[in-house]
Amino acid sequence: MRGLPTVLITVSPEASAQMGPPRAIYPIGFQIGHVLGGPGQVALQRQVLRDALERLVTPGEPGTIEERSYPQYVPPAGPS
């Protein structure tokens, strides 16, 4: 094996698909700036990171962006 294996965590799967990443996950519904979860959602952030690291060792079709659902994600409130 050559090089450094990488995995992309994306909140914009359409744009990311154009780049053809070798491995990627898309946490469904996550917002820009919160690719691992919202502020203070430590357990969720760890889970998303673990899922991304698992993607490094799990065989999959290169260029495929795997969608992952995290029902515990709570988007941050917008400006009032």
PDB file of N, CA and C in Angstrom:
ATOM      1  N   MET A   1       0.847  -1.184   0.000  1.00  0.00           N
ATOM      2  CA  MET A   1       0.000   0.000   0.000  1.00  0.00           C
ATOM      3  C   MET A   1       0.884   1.236   0.000  1.00  0.00           C
ATOM      4  N   ARG A   2       0.493   2.208  -0.780  1.00  0.00           N
ATOM      5  CA  ARG A   2       1.234   3.462  -0.863  1.00  0.00           C
ATOM      6  C   ARG A   2       0.351   4.609  -0.421  1.00  0.00           C
ATOM      7  N   GLY A   3       0.969   5.620   0.120  1.00  0.00           N
ATOM      8  CA  GLY A   3       0.229   6.816   0.485  1.00  0.00           C
ATOM      9  C   GLY A   3      -0.444   6.693   1.838  1.00  0.00           C
ATOM     10  N   LEU A   4      -1.189   7.699   2.166  1.00  0.00           N
ATOM     11  CA  LEU A   4      -1.890   7.800   3.438  1.00  0.00           C
ATOM     12  C   LEU A   4      -3.385   7.656   3.180  1.00  0.00           C
ATOM     13  N   PRO A   5      -4.021   6.623   3.731  1.00  0.00           N
ATOM     14  CA  PRO A   5      -5.466   6.479   3.506  1.00  0.00           C
ATOM     15  C   PRO A   5      -6.230   7.641   4.148  1.00  0.00           C
ATOM     16  N   THR A   6      -7.257   8.084   3.472  1.00  0.00           N
ATOM     17  CA  THR A   6      -8.060   9.199   3.973  1.00  0.00           C
ATOM     18  C   THR A   6      -9.538   8.870   3.875  1.00  0.00           C
ATOM     19  N   VAL A   7     -10.316   9.583   4.685  1.00  0.00           N
ATOM     20  CA  VAL A   7     -11.770   9.489   4.606  1.00  0.00           C
ATOM     21  C   VAL A   7     -12.318  10.904   4.753  1.00  0.00           C
ATOM     22  N   LEU A   8     -13.322  11.209   3.965  1.00  0.00           N
ATOM     23  CA  LEU A   8     -13.942  12.527   3.976  1.00  0.00           C
ATOM     24  C   LEU A   8     -15.259  12.452   4.736  1.00  0.00           C
ATOM     25  N   ILE A   9     -15.488  13.416   5.617  1.00  0.00           N
ATOM     26  CA  ILE A   9     -16.792  13.592   6.261  1.00  0.00           C
ATOM     27  C   ILE A   9     -17.370  14.845   5.620  1.00  0.00           C
ATOM     28  N   THR A  10     -18.482  14.698   4.912  1.00  0.00           N
ATOM     29  CA  THR A  10     -19.017  15.816   4.142  1.00  0.00           C
ATOM     30  C   THR A  10     -20.448  16.159   4.534  1.00  0.00           C
ATOM     31  N   VAL A  11     -20.758  17.433   4.490  1.00  0.00           N
ATOM     32  CA  VAL A  11     -22.141  17.879   4.669  1.00  0.00           C
ATOM     33  C   VAL A  11     -22.702  18.360   3.335  1.00  0.00           C
ATOM     34  N   SER A  12     -21.901  18.225   2.278  1.00  0.00           N
ATOM     35  CA  SER A  12     -22.310  18.617   0.936  1.00  0.00           C
ATOM     36  C   SER A  12     -21.961  17.478  -0.028  1.00  0.00           C
ATOM     37  N   PRO A  13     -22.765  16.397   0.006  1.00  0.00           N
ATOM     38  CA  PRO A  13     -22.410  15.221  -0.784  1.00  0.00           C
ATOM     39  C   PRO A  13     -22.390  15.462  -2.296  1.00  0.00           C
ATOM     40  N   GLU A  14     -23.232  16.354  -2.797  1.00  0.00           N
ATOM     41  CA  GLU A  14     -23.254  16.616  -4.238  1.00  0.00           C
ATOM     42  C   GLU A  14     -21.924  17.212  -4.690  1.00  0.00           C
ATOM     43  N   ALA A  15     -21.437  18.199  -3.953  1.00  0.00           N
ATOM     44  CA  ALA A  15     -20.160  18.836  -4.297  1.00  0.00           C
ATOM     45  C   ALA A  15     -19.008  17.863  -4.091  1.00  0.00           C
ATOM     46  N   SER A  16     -19.061  17.095  -3.027  1.00  0.00           N
ATOM     47  CA  SER A  16     -17.989  16.150  -2.735  1.00  0.00           C
ATOM     48  C   SER A  16     -17.921  15.038  -3.763  1.00  0.00           C
ATOM     49  N   ALA A  17     -19.059  14.610  -4.283  1.00  0.00           N
ATOM     50  CA  ALA A  17     -19.087  13.539  -5.283  1.00  0.00           C
ATOM     51  C   ALA A  17     -18.323  13.954  -6.540  1.00  0.00           C
ATOM     52  N   GLN A  18     -18.331  15.221  -6.861  1.00  0.00           N
ATOM     53  CA  GLN A  18     -17.617  15.713  -8.037  1.00  0.00           C
ATOM     54  C   GLN A  18     -16.109  15.533  -7.897  1.00  0.00           C
ATOM     55  N   MET A  19     -15.619  15.519  -6.645  1.00  0.00           N
ATOM     56  CA  MET A  19     -14.188  15.337  -6.393  1.00  0.00           C
ATOM     57  C   MET A  19     -13.798  13.858  -6.420  1.00  0.00           C
ATOM     58  N   GLY A  20     -14.772  12.969  -6.266  1.00  0.00           N
ATOM     59  CA  GLY A  20     -14.504  11.540  -6.295  1.00  0.00           C
ATOM     60  C   GLY A  20     -13.609  11.058  -5.159  1.00  0.00           C
ATOM     61  N   PRO A  21     -13.967  11.359  -3.910  1.00  0.00           N
ATOM     62  CA  PRO A  21     -13.116  10.913  -2.805  1.00  0.00           C
ATOM     63  C   PRO A  21     -13.076   9.387  -2.732  1.00  0.00           C
ATOM     64  N   PRO A  22     -11.934   8.802  -2.348  1.00  0.00           N
ATOM     65  CA  PRO A  22     -11.853   7.343  -2.280  1.00  0.00           C
ATOM     66  C   PRO A  22     -12.785   6.744  -1.218  1.00  0.00           C
ATOM     67  N   ARG A  23     -12.967   7.458  -0.114  1.00  0.00           N
ATOM     68  CA  ARG A  23     -13.851   7.019   0.965  1.00  0.00           C
ATOM     69  C   ARG A  23     -14.505   8.257   1.572  1.00  0.00           C
ATOM     70  N   ALA A  24     -15.809   8.180   1.820  1.00  0.00           N
ATOM     71  CA  ALA A  24     -16.493   9.343   2.388  1.00  0.00           C
ATOM     72  C   ALA A  24     -17.763   8.907   3.104  1.00  0.00           C
ATOM     73  N   ILE A  25     -18.128   9.671   4.135  1.00  0.00           N
ATOM     74  CA  ILE A  25     -19.424   9.493   4.783  1.00  0.00           C
ATOM     75  C   ILE A  25     -20.143  10.838   4.800  1.00  0.00           C
ATOM     76  N   TYR A  26     -21.462  10.745   4.764  1.00  0.00           N
ATOM     77  CA  TYR A  26     -22.312  11.927   4.818  1.00  0.00           C
ATOM     78  C   TYR A  26     -23.274  11.769   5.983  1.00  0.00           C
ATOM     79  N   PRO A  27     -23.033  12.498   7.085  1.00  0.00           N
ATOM     80  CA  PRO A  27     -23.995  12.498   8.183  1.00  0.00           C
ATOM     81  C   PRO A  27     -25.229  13.303   7.760  1.00  0.00           C
ATOM     82  N   ILE A  28     -26.298  12.621   7.446  1.00  0.00           N
ATOM     83  CA  ILE A  28     -27.498  13.241   6.877  1.00  0.00           C
ATOM     84  C   ILE A  28     -28.025  14.368   7.774  1.00  0.00           C
ATOM     85  N   GLY A  29     -28.216  15.533   7.158  1.00  0.00           N
ATOM     86  CA  GLY A  29     -28.813  16.668   7.851  1.00  0.00           C
ATOM     87  C   GLY A  29     -27.849  17.532   8.644  1.00  0.00           C
ATOM     88  N   PHE A  30     -26.578  17.135   8.729  1.00  0.00           N
ATOM     89  CA  PHE A  30     -25.626  17.954   9.472  1.00  0.00           C
ATOM     90  C   PHE A  30     -25.361  19.237   8.693  1.00  0.00           C
ATOM     91  N   GLN A  31     -25.024  20.299   9.415  1.00  0.00           N
ATOM     92  CA  GLN A  31     -24.835  21.611   8.798  1.00  0.00           C
ATOM     93  C   GLN A  31     -23.355  21.930   8.604  1.00  0.00           C
ATOM     94  N   ILE A  32     -23.082  22.853   7.709  1.00  0.00           N
ATOM     95  CA  ILE A  32     -21.713  23.322   7.495  1.00  0.00           C
ATOM     96  C   ILE A  32     -21.173  23.836   8.823  1.00  0.00           C
ATOM     97  N   GLY A  33     -19.966  23.428   9.141  1.00  0.00           N
ATOM     98  CA  GLY A  33     -19.338  23.820  10.398  1.00  0.00           C
ATOM     99  C   GLY A  33     -19.613  22.847  11.531  1.00  0.00           C
ATOM    100  N   HIS A  34     -20.470  21.864  11.275  1.00  0.00           N
ATOM    101  CA  HIS A  34     -20.819  20.883  12.307  1.00  0.00           C
ATOM    102  C   HIS A  34     -20.753  19.470  11.730  1.00  0.00           C
ATOM    103  N   VAL A  35     -19.643  19.138  11.056  1.00  0.00           N
ATOM    104  CA  VAL A  35     -19.550  17.840  10.389  1.00  0.00           C
ATOM    105  C   VAL A  35     -19.504  16.674  11.365  1.00  0.00           C
ATOM    106  N   LEU A  36     -19.133  16.926  12.617  1.00  0.00           N
ATOM    107  CA  LEU A  36     -19.125  15.863  13.624  1.00  0.00           C
ATOM    108  C   LEU A  36     -20.325  15.930  14.544  1.00  0.00           C
ATOM    109  N   GLY A  37     -21.102  16.980  14.473  1.00  0.00           N
ATOM    110  CA  GLY A  37     -22.249  17.171  15.350  1.00  0.00           C
ATOM    111  C   GLY A  37     -22.260  18.581  15.882  1.00  0.00           C
ATOM    112  N   GLY A  38     -23.288  18.889  16.633  1.00  0.00           N
ATOM    113  CA  GLY A  38     -23.426  20.236  17.180  1.00  0.00           C
ATOM    114  C   GLY A  38     -22.541  20.471  18.391  1.00  0.00           C
ATOM    115  N   PRO A  39     -22.434  21.718  18.812  1.00  0.00           N
ATOM    116  CA  PRO A  39     -21.650  22.061  19.989  1.00  0.00           C
ATOM    117  C   PRO A  39     -22.147  21.304  21.221  1.00  0.00           C
ATOM    118  N   GLY A  40     -21.231  20.726  21.952  1.00  0.00           N
ATOM    119  CA  GLY A  40     -21.573  20.027  23.186  1.00  0.00           C
ATOM    120  C   GLY A  40     -22.095  18.611  22.988  1.00  0.00           C
ATOM    121  N   GLN A  41     -22.236  18.155  21.757  1.00  0.00           N
ATOM    122  CA  GLN A  41     -22.730  16.800  21.489  1.00  0.00           C
ATOM    123  C   GLN A  41     -21.541  15.830  21.401  1.00  0.00           C
ATOM    124  N   VAL A  42     -20.847  15.702  22.518  1.00  0.00           N
ATOM    125  CA  VAL A  42     -19.589  14.962  22.568  1.00  0.00           C
ATOM    126  C   VAL A  42     -19.761  13.496  22.164  1.00  0.00           C
ATOM    127  N   ALA A  43     -20.765  12.818  22.684  1.00  0.00           N
ATOM    128  CA  ALA A  43     -20.966  11.405  22.354  1.00  0.00           C
ATOM    129  C   ALA A  43     -21.241  11.241  20.856  1.00  0.00           C
ATOM    130  N   LEU A  44     -22.035  12.124  20.295  1.00  0.00           N
ATOM    131  CA  LEU A  44     -22.329  12.079  18.867  1.00  0.00           C
ATOM    132  C   LEU A  44     -21.068  12.356  18.055  1.00  0.00           C
ATOM    133  N   GLN A  45     -20.304  13.346  18.451  1.00  0.00           N
ATOM    134  CA  GLN A  45     -19.078  13.679  17.736  1.00  0.00           C
ATOM    135  C   GLN A  45     -18.125  12.481  17.708  1.00  0.00           C
ATOM    136  N   ARG A  46     -18.018  11.794  18.834  1.00  0.00           N
ATOM    137  CA  ARG A  46     -17.168  10.597  18.886  1.00  0.00           C
ATOM    138  C   ARG A  46     -17.701   9.502  17.964  1.00  0.00           C
ATOM    139  N   GLN A  47     -19.017   9.333  17.929  1.00  0.00           N
ATOM    140  CA  GLN A  47     -19.614   8.296  17.091  1.00  0.00           C
ATOM    141  C   GLN A  47     -19.368   8.572  15.608  1.00  0.00           C
ATOM    142  N   VAL A  48     -19.534   9.814  15.185  1.00  0.00           N
ATOM    143  CA  VAL A  48     -19.300  10.166  13.785  1.00  0.00           C
ATOM    144  C   VAL A  48     -17.826   9.929  13.433  1.00  0.00           C
ATOM    145  N   LEU A  49     -16.931  10.318  14.319  1.00  0.00           N
ATOM    146  CA  LEU A  49     -15.506  10.107  14.078  1.00  0.00           C
ATOM    147  C   LEU A  49     -15.176   8.620  14.018  1.00  0.00           C
ATOM    148  N   ARG A  50     -15.747   7.842  14.918  1.00  0.00           N
ATOM    149  CA  ARG A  50     -15.531   6.382  14.880  1.00  0.00           C
ATOM    150  C   ARG A  50     -16.055   5.781  13.579  1.00  0.00           C
ATOM    151  N   ASP A  51     -17.222   6.232  13.143  1.00  0.00           N
ATOM    152  CA  ASP A  51     -17.781   5.732  11.888  1.00  0.00           C
ATOM    153  C   ASP A  51     -16.868   6.078  10.709  1.00  0.00           C
ATOM    154  N   ALA A  52     -16.306   7.276  10.725  1.00  0.00           N
ATOM    155  CA  ALA A  52     -15.389   7.671   9.653  1.00  0.00           C
ATOM    156  C   ALA A  52     -14.129   6.804   9.683  1.00  0.00           C
ATOM    157  N   LEU A  53     -13.590   6.563  10.862  1.00  0.00           N
ATOM    158  CA  LEU A  53     -12.397   5.723  10.973  1.00  0.00           C
ATOM    159  C   LEU A  53     -12.699   4.285  10.569  1.00  0.00           C
ATOM    160  N   GLU A  54     -13.886   3.805  10.888  1.00  0.00           N
ATOM    161  CA  GLU A  54     -14.298   2.461  10.478  1.00  0.00           C
ATOM    162  C   GLU A  54     -14.340   2.364   8.957  1.00  0.00           C
ATOM    163  N   ARG A  55     -14.723   3.442   8.318  1.00  0.00           N
ATOM    164  CA  ARG A  55     -14.796   3.476   6.847  1.00  0.00           C
ATOM    165  C   ARG A  55     -13.418   3.263   6.223  1.00  0.00           C
ATOM    166  N   LEU A  56     -12.367   3.609   6.978  1.00  0.00           N
ATOM    167  CA  LEU A  56     -11.007   3.392   6.480  1.00  0.00           C
ATOM    168  C   LEU A  56     -10.675   1.905   6.347  1.00  0.00           C
ATOM    169  N   VAL A  57     -11.237   1.084   7.219  1.00  0.00           N
ATOM    170  CA  VAL A  57     -10.886  -0.339   7.222  1.00  0.00           C
ATOM    171  C   VAL A  57     -11.954  -1.224   6.605  1.00  0.00           C
ATOM    172  N   THR A  58     -13.126  -0.672   6.332  1.00  0.00           N
ATOM    173  CA  THR A  58     -14.213  -1.445   5.738  1.00  0.00           C
ATOM    174  C   THR A  58     -14.159  -1.296   4.219  1.00  0.00           C
ATOM    175  N   PRO A  59     -14.069  -2.420   3.515  1.00  0.00           N
ATOM    176  CA  PRO A  59     -14.039  -2.305   2.050  1.00  0.00           C
ATOM    177  C   PRO A  59     -15.322  -1.651   1.521  1.00  0.00           C
ATOM    178  N   GLY A  60     -15.173  -0.892   0.500  1.00  0.00           N
ATOM    179  CA  GLY A  60     -16.311  -0.238  -0.132  1.00  0.00           C
ATOM    180  C   GLY A  60     -15.931   0.199  -1.524  1.00  0.00           C
ATOM    181  N   GLU A  61     -16.897   0.595  -2.275  1.00  0.00           N
ATOM    182  CA  GLU A  61     -16.658   1.053  -3.644  1.00  0.00           C
ATOM    183  C   GLU A  61     -16.012   2.433  -3.607  1.00  0.00           C
ATOM    184  N   PRO A  62     -14.803   2.595  -4.182  1.00  0.00           N
ATOM    185  CA  PRO A  62     -14.176   3.925  -4.204  1.00  0.00           C
ATOM    186  C   PRO A  62     -15.087   4.948  -4.875  1.00  0.00           C
ATOM    187  N   GLY A  63     -15.125   6.137  -4.318  1.00  0.00           N
ATOM    188  CA  GLY A  63     -15.952   7.205  -4.855  1.00  0.00           C
ATOM    189  C   GLY A  63     -17.372   7.222  -4.317  1.00  0.00           C
ATOM    190  N   THR A  64     -17.740   6.188  -3.545  1.00  0.00           N
ATOM    191  CA  THR A  64     -19.075   6.123  -2.974  1.00  0.00           C
ATOM    192  C   THR A  64     -19.123   6.911  -1.666  1.00  0.00           C
ATOM    193  N   ILE A  65     -20.129   7.737  -1.533  1.00  0.00           N
ATOM    194  CA  ILE A  65     -20.323   8.484  -0.287  1.00  0.00           C
ATOM    195  C   ILE A  65     -21.425   7.780   0.484  1.00  0.00           C
ATOM    196  N   GLU A  66     -21.045   7.200   1.611  1.00  0.00           N
ATOM    197  CA  GLU A  66     -22.014   6.460   2.428  1.00  0.00           C
ATOM    198  C   GLU A  66     -22.816   7.427   3.291  1.00  0.00           C
ATOM    199  N   GLU A  67     -24.121   7.321   3.206  1.00  0.00           N
ATOM    200  CA  GLU A  67     -24.996   8.155   4.041  1.00  0.00           C
ATOM    201  C   GLU A  67     -25.171   7.491   5.393  1.00  0.00           C
ATOM    202  N   ARG A  68     -25.084   8.288   6.440  1.00  0.00           N
ATOM    203  CA  ARG A  68     -25.281   7.791   7.801  1.00  0.00           C
ATOM    204  C   ARG A  68     -26.324   8.662   8.486  1.00  0.00           C
ATOM    205  N   SER A  69     -27.214   8.017   9.203  1.00  0.00           N
ATOM    206  CA  SER A  69     -28.256   8.732   9.927  1.00  0.00           C
ATOM    207  C   SER A  69     -27.905   8.779  11.410  1.00  0.00           C
ATOM    208  N   TYR A  70     -28.018   9.945  11.989  1.00  0.00           N
ATOM    209  CA  TYR A  70     -27.764  10.147  13.418  1.00  0.00           C
ATOM    210  C   TYR A  70     -28.961  10.897  13.999  1.00  0.00           C
ATOM    211  N   PRO A  71     -29.981  10.162  14.447  1.00  0.00           N
ATOM    212  CA  PRO A  71     -31.190  10.825  14.954  1.00  0.00           C
ATOM    213  C   PRO A  71     -30.940  11.710  16.176  1.00  0.00           C
ATOM    214  N   GLN A  72     -29.844  11.474  16.882  1.00  0.00           N
ATOM    215  CA  GLN A  72     -29.562  12.271  18.077  1.00  0.00           C
ATOM    216  C   GLN A  72     -28.982  13.654  17.745  1.00  0.00           C
ATOM    217  N   TYR A  73     -28.710  13.920  16.460  1.00  0.00           N
ATOM    218  CA  TYR A  73     -28.182  15.228  16.071  1.00  0.00           C
ATOM    219  C   TYR A  73     -29.231  16.305  16.263  1.00  0.00           C
ATOM    220  N   VAL A  74     -28.835  17.356  16.945  1.00  0.00           N
ATOM    221  CA  VAL A  74     -29.708  18.508  17.151  1.00  0.00           C
ATOM    222  C   VAL A  74     -29.001  19.714  16.510  1.00  0.00           C
ATOM    223  N   PRO A  75     -29.536  20.212  15.391  1.00  0.00           N
ATOM    224  CA  PRO A  75     -28.891  21.361  14.748  1.00  0.00           C
ATOM    225  C   PRO A  75     -28.901  22.566  15.677  1.00  0.00           C
ATOM    226  N   PRO A  76     -27.842  23.350  15.639  1.00  0.00           N
ATOM    227  CA  PRO A  76     -27.811  24.564  16.463  1.00  0.00           C
ATOM    228  C   PRO A  76     -28.894  25.538  16.010  1.00  0.00           C
ATOM    229  N   ALA A  77     -29.428  26.265  16.961  1.00  0.00           N
ATOM    230  CA  ALA A  77     -30.467  27.254  16.650  1.00  0.00           C
ATOM    231  C   ALA A  77     -29.852  28.403  15.872  1.00  0.00           C
ATOM    232  N   GLY A  78     -30.607  28.916  14.918  1.00  0.00           N
ATOM    233  CA  GLY A  78     -30.151  30.047  14.119  1.00  0.00           C
ATOM    234  C   GLY A  78     -30.258  31.334  14.904  1.00  0.00           C
ATOM    235  N   PRO A  79     -29.798  32.437  14.324  1.00  0.00           N
ATOM    236  CA  PRO A  79     -29.902  33.741  15.004  1.00  0.00           C
ATOM    237  C   PRO A  79     -31.360  34.120  15.225  1.00  0.00           C
ATOM    238  N   SER A  80     -31.618  34.757  16.329  1.00  0.00           N
ATOM    239  CA  SER A  80     -32.979  35.170  16.681  1.00  0.00           C
ATOM    240  C   SER A  80     -33.409  36.384  15.916  1.00  0.00           C
TER     241      SER A  80
END
